[in-house]
Amino acid sequence: PLKRDLFEYNHIRWNYTQFGNCEHLVTVDIVGGMCVASLHMESWRTKMEEKISRINQVLPGTEQGDKTAIIQHWMVSVLNKMDRYKAEHHRYVKEG
């Protein structure tokens, strides 16, 4: 599952290095899902599915040493978007 701070930052190399030697890493699968189906609006679900699948379009063209940083940035982006949609959903429920 996705979570913030999943990867430790390498302060010696000033980068995330967990996948630095994985030249064949070209896809990421989310185990356990993100509960996208629970989102209130279909447009939110569609945007989240696009955001989640985006990493698999980016990774094949990413330099080997940058893969971990790209994945870390993508995870934070996905989690932030999901948090925004959840907060908006709670506002709708509260107003309704």
N, C-alpha and C. Protein backbone atom coordinates (compact mmCIF):
# COMPACT_ATOMS: atom_id res chain seq x y z
N PRO A 1 0.83 -1.20 0.00
CA PRO A 1 0.00 0.00 0.00
C PRO A 1 0.87 1.26 0.00
N LEU A 2 0.31 2.31 -0.52
CA LEU A 2 1.03 3.58 -0.53
C LEU A 2 0.99 4.23 0.83
N LYS A 3 2.11 4.81 1.22
CA LYS A 3 2.14 5.59 2.45
C LYS A 3 3.28 6.59 2.36
N ARG A 4 3.12 7.67 3.06
CA ARG A 4 4.14 8.71 3.06
C ARG A 4 5.41 8.18 3.74
N ASP A 5 6.52 8.68 3.31
CA ASP A 5 7.82 8.33 3.90
C ASP A 5 8.11 6.83 3.84
N LEU A 6 7.65 6.19 2.79
CA LEU A 6 7.92 4.77 2.62
C LEU A 6 9.41 4.52 2.37
N PHE A 7 10.04 5.44 1.65
CA PHE A 7 11.46 5.31 1.34
C PHE A 7 12.27 6.28 2.19
N GLU A 8 13.42 5.80 2.64
CA GLU A 8 14.31 6.65 3.42
C GLU A 8 15.20 7.45 2.46
N TYR A 9 15.34 8.73 2.74
CA TYR A 9 16.16 9.62 1.93
C TYR A 9 17.63 9.36 2.24
N ASN A 10 18.46 9.23 1.21
CA ASN A 10 19.89 9.02 1.37
C ASN A 10 20.57 10.38 1.44
N HIS A 11 20.94 10.81 2.63
CA HIS A 11 21.53 12.14 2.82
C HIS A 11 22.96 12.22 2.30
N ILE A 12 23.60 11.10 2.09
CA ILE A 12 24.95 11.10 1.54
C ILE A 12 24.90 11.36 0.03
N ARG A 13 23.94 10.72 -0.63
CA ARG A 13 23.80 10.89 -2.10
C ARG A 13 22.78 11.97 -2.46
N TRP A 14 22.11 12.53 -1.49
CA TRP A 14 21.10 13.58 -1.69
C TRP A 14 20.01 13.10 -2.64
N ASN A 15 19.54 11.88 -2.41
CA ASN A 15 18.52 11.31 -3.28
C ASN A 15 17.91 10.09 -2.61
N TYR A 16 16.81 9.62 -3.17
CA TYR A 16 16.25 8.33 -2.79
C TYR A 16 16.95 7.29 -3.65
N THR A 17 17.44 6.22 -3.04
CA THR A 17 18.28 5.29 -3.81
C THR A 17 17.78 3.84 -3.79
N GLN A 18 16.61 3.57 -3.25
CA GLN A 18 16.16 2.19 -3.09
C GLN A 18 16.11 1.43 -4.42
N PHE A 19 15.74 2.09 -5.51
CA PHE A 19 15.65 1.42 -6.81
C PHE A 19 16.72 1.91 -7.77
N GLY A 20 17.80 2.45 -7.24
CA GLY A 20 18.85 3.02 -8.07
C GLY A 20 19.54 2.04 -9.00
N ASN A 21 19.49 0.76 -8.68
CA ASN A 21 20.13 -0.25 -9.53
C ASN A 21 19.12 -1.11 -10.27
N CYS A 22 17.91 -0.65 -10.38
CA CYS A 22 16.84 -1.45 -10.99
C CYS A 22 16.50 -0.91 -12.38
N GLU A 23 17.36 -1.17 -13.33
CA GLU A 23 17.14 -0.63 -14.67
C GLU A 23 15.90 -1.20 -15.34
N HIS A 24 15.45 -2.38 -14.91
CA HIS A 24 14.29 -3.01 -15.55
C HIS A 24 12.97 -2.70 -14.84
N LEU A 25 13.01 -1.87 -13.83
CA LEU A 25 11.78 -1.47 -13.14
C LEU A 25 10.99 -0.52 -14.03
N VAL A 26 9.86 -0.98 -14.56
CA VAL A 26 9.07 -0.15 -15.46
C VAL A 26 7.60 -0.05 -15.07
N THR A 27 7.17 -0.82 -14.07
CA THR A 27 5.78 -0.73 -13.62
C THR A 27 5.69 -0.81 -12.10
N VAL A 28 4.64 -0.22 -11.58
CA VAL A 28 4.33 -0.27 -10.15
C VAL A 28 2.89 -0.75 -10.02
N ASP A 29 2.67 -1.72 -9.18
CA ASP A 29 1.31 -2.20 -8.87
C ASP A 29 1.02 -1.86 -7.43
N ILE A 30 -0.19 -1.39 -7.18
CA ILE A 30 -0.59 -1.08 -5.81
C ILE A 30 -1.26 -2.31 -5.22
N VAL A 31 -0.69 -2.84 -4.16
CA VAL A 31 -1.25 -4.00 -3.48
C VAL A 31 -2.28 -3.50 -2.49
N GLY A 32 -3.47 -4.04 -2.54
CA GLY A 32 -4.50 -3.65 -1.60
C GLY A 32 -5.36 -2.50 -2.06
N GLY A 33 -5.02 -1.88 -3.19
CA GLY A 33 -5.84 -0.82 -3.73
C GLY A 33 -5.80 0.47 -2.95
N MET A 34 -6.50 1.46 -3.41
CA MET A 34 -6.51 2.79 -2.81
C MET A 34 -7.92 3.20 -2.40
N CYS A 35 -8.89 2.32 -2.48
CA CYS A 35 -10.29 2.65 -2.17
C CYS A 35 -10.84 3.72 -3.12
N VAL A 36 -10.36 3.71 -4.36
CA VAL A 36 -10.83 4.68 -5.35
C VAL A 36 -12.33 4.52 -5.57
N ALA A 37 -12.81 3.29 -5.52
CA ALA A 37 -14.23 3.04 -5.74
C ALA A 37 -15.12 3.71 -4.71
N SER A 38 -14.55 4.05 -3.56
CA SER A 38 -15.35 4.68 -2.50
C SER A 38 -15.50 6.19 -2.68
N LEU A 39 -14.82 6.75 -3.68
CA LEU A 39 -14.91 8.19 -3.88
C LEU A 39 -16.31 8.59 -4.34
N HIS A 40 -16.75 9.73 -3.87
CA HIS A 40 -18.13 10.21 -4.04
C HIS A 40 -18.52 10.41 -5.50
N MET A 41 -17.66 11.04 -6.28
CA MET A 41 -18.02 11.40 -7.64
C MET A 41 -17.22 10.58 -8.66
N GLU A 42 -17.88 10.25 -9.76
CA GLU A 42 -17.22 9.48 -10.81
C GLU A 42 -16.01 10.22 -11.38
N SER A 43 -16.10 11.54 -11.50
CA SER A 43 -14.97 12.31 -12.02
C SER A 43 -13.75 12.18 -11.10
N TRP A 44 -13.98 12.11 -9.81
CA TRP A 44 -12.88 11.91 -8.86
C TRP A 44 -12.24 10.53 -9.07
N ARG A 45 -13.10 9.52 -9.22
CA ARG A 45 -12.59 8.16 -9.43
C ARG A 45 -11.74 8.10 -10.71
N THR A 46 -12.26 8.72 -11.77
CA THR A 46 -11.54 8.72 -13.04
C THR A 46 -10.19 9.42 -12.91
N LYS A 47 -10.18 10.59 -12.27
CA LYS A 47 -8.92 11.33 -12.09
C LYS A 47 -7.93 10.54 -11.24
N MET A 48 -8.42 9.88 -10.21
CA MET A 48 -7.52 9.10 -9.36
C MET A 48 -6.96 7.90 -10.11
N GLU A 49 -7.79 7.23 -10.87
CA GLU A 49 -7.30 6.09 -11.66
C GLU A 49 -6.24 6.54 -12.66
N GLU A 50 -6.45 7.71 -13.28
CA GLU A 50 -5.45 8.24 -14.21
C GLU A 50 -4.16 8.58 -13.49
N LYS A 51 -4.27 9.20 -12.32
CA LYS A 51 -3.09 9.59 -11.54
C LYS A 51 -2.32 8.35 -11.10
N ILE A 52 -3.03 7.32 -10.67
CA ILE A 52 -2.39 6.09 -10.22
C ILE A 52 -1.68 5.39 -11.38
N SER A 53 -2.31 5.34 -12.53
CA SER A 53 -1.70 4.64 -13.67
C SER A 53 -0.58 5.44 -14.33
N ARG A 54 -0.50 6.72 -14.05
CA ARG A 54 0.50 7.59 -14.68
C ARG A 54 1.93 7.11 -14.44
N ILE A 55 2.22 6.57 -13.29
CA ILE A 55 3.59 6.14 -12.97
C ILE A 55 4.08 5.10 -13.97
N ASN A 56 3.19 4.25 -14.45
CA ASN A 56 3.59 3.21 -15.39
C ASN A 56 3.84 3.75 -16.79
N GLN A 57 3.43 4.98 -17.04
CA GLN A 57 3.76 5.65 -18.30
C GLN A 57 5.09 6.38 -18.18
N VAL A 58 5.42 6.82 -16.97
CA VAL A 58 6.62 7.62 -16.74
C VAL A 58 7.86 6.74 -16.52
N LEU A 59 7.72 5.66 -15.76
CA LEU A 59 8.88 4.84 -15.38
C LEU A 59 9.72 4.31 -16.54
N PRO A 60 9.12 3.83 -17.62
CA PRO A 60 9.96 3.28 -18.69
C PRO A 60 10.97 4.29 -19.25
N GLY A 61 10.66 5.57 -19.22
CA GLY A 61 11.57 6.58 -19.74
C GLY A 61 12.41 7.26 -18.68
N THR A 62 12.36 6.76 -17.46
CA THR A 62 13.07 7.38 -16.34
C THR A 62 14.47 6.78 -16.20
N GLU A 63 15.44 7.64 -15.99
CA GLU A 63 16.81 7.18 -15.76
C GLU A 63 16.85 6.28 -14.53
N GLN A 64 17.68 5.28 -14.58
CA GLN A 64 17.80 4.28 -13.52
C GLN A 64 17.98 4.91 -12.14
N GLY A 65 18.84 5.89 -12.00
CA GLY A 65 19.12 6.51 -10.72
C GLY A 65 18.02 7.42 -10.19
N ASP A 66 17.04 7.74 -11.03
CA ASP A 66 15.96 8.65 -10.63
C ASP A 66 14.65 7.93 -10.29
N LYS A 67 14.61 6.63 -10.47
CA LYS A 67 13.35 5.89 -10.33
C LYS A 67 12.74 6.01 -8.94
N THR A 68 13.54 5.88 -7.90
CA THR A 68 12.99 5.94 -6.54
C THR A 68 12.41 7.32 -6.26
N ALA A 69 13.11 8.37 -6.65
CA ALA A 69 12.61 9.74 -6.42
C ALA A 69 11.31 9.97 -7.19
N ILE A 70 11.23 9.46 -8.40
CA ILE A 70 10.02 9.61 -9.21
C ILE A 70 8.86 8.86 -8.55
N ILE A 71 9.12 7.65 -8.08
CA ILE A 71 8.07 6.87 -7.41
C ILE A 71 7.65 7.56 -6.12
N GLN A 72 8.60 8.06 -5.34
CA GLN A 72 8.28 8.77 -4.09
C GLN A 72 7.42 9.99 -4.37
N HIS A 73 7.79 10.77 -5.36
CA HIS A 73 7.02 11.96 -5.72
C HIS A 73 5.60 11.57 -6.16
N TRP A 74 5.50 10.52 -6.96
CA TRP A 74 4.20 10.04 -7.43
C TRP A 74 3.33 9.58 -6.25
N MET A 75 3.92 8.84 -5.32
CA MET A 75 3.14 8.37 -4.16
C MET A 75 2.58 9.54 -3.36
N VAL A 76 3.41 10.53 -3.09
CA VAL A 76 2.95 11.70 -2.33
C VAL A 76 1.85 12.42 -3.09
N SER A 77 2.02 12.54 -4.39
CA SER A 77 1.02 13.20 -5.22
C SER A 77 -0.32 12.46 -5.18
N VAL A 78 -0.28 11.14 -5.31
CA VAL A 78 -1.49 10.32 -5.25
C VAL A 78 -2.16 10.44 -3.88
N LEU A 79 -1.37 10.34 -2.81
CA LEU A 79 -1.92 10.43 -1.46
C LEU A 79 -2.51 11.81 -1.18
N ASN A 80 -1.85 12.87 -1.64
CA ASN A 80 -2.38 14.22 -1.45
C ASN A 80 -3.69 14.41 -2.17
N LYS A 81 -3.79 13.92 -3.40
CA LYS A 81 -5.03 14.04 -4.18
C LYS A 81 -6.15 13.27 -3.49
N MET A 82 -5.85 12.07 -3.01
CA MET A 82 -6.86 11.27 -2.32
C MET A 82 -7.32 11.98 -1.05
N ASP A 83 -6.39 12.56 -0.32
CA ASP A 83 -6.75 13.31 0.90
C ASP A 83 -7.67 14.49 0.57
N ARG A 84 -7.38 15.19 -0.53
CA ARG A 84 -8.24 16.33 -0.93
C ARG A 84 -9.65 15.85 -1.25
N TYR A 85 -9.76 14.76 -2.01
CA TYR A 85 -11.08 14.24 -2.35
C TYR A 85 -11.84 13.76 -1.11
N LYS A 86 -11.15 13.13 -0.19
CA LYS A 86 -11.80 12.68 1.05
C LYS A 86 -12.30 13.88 1.85
N ALA A 87 -11.49 14.92 1.96
CA ALA A 87 -11.89 16.12 2.70
C ALA A 87 -13.10 16.78 2.04
N GLU A 88 -13.07 16.84 0.71
CA GLU A 88 -14.20 17.42 -0.01
C GLU A 88 -15.45 16.58 0.19
N HIS A 89 -15.30 15.28 0.18
CA HIS A 89 -16.42 14.37 0.42
C HIS A 89 -17.03 14.62 1.80
N HIS A 90 -16.17 14.76 2.81
CA HIS A 90 -16.66 15.02 4.17
C HIS A 90 -17.40 16.36 4.25
N ARG A 91 -16.92 17.35 3.51
CA ARG A 91 -17.63 18.64 3.48
C ARG A 91 -19.02 18.48 2.87
N TYR A 92 -19.11 17.73 1.78
CA TYR A 92 -20.42 17.48 1.16
C TYR A 92 -21.36 16.76 2.11
N VAL A 93 -20.87 15.77 2.78
CA VAL A 93 -21.68 15.02 3.73
C VAL A 93 -22.14 15.91 4.87
N LYS A 94 -21.25 16.75 5.37
CA LYS A 94 -21.57 17.65 6.47
C LYS A 94 -22.61 18.68 6.06
N GLU A 95 -22.51 19.20 4.81
CA GLU A 95 -23.45 20.18 4.32
C GLU A 95 -24.82 19.56 4.02
N GLY A 96 -24.79 18.28 3.60
CA GLY A 96 -26.01 17.60 3.16
C GLY A 96 -26.86 17.23 4.30
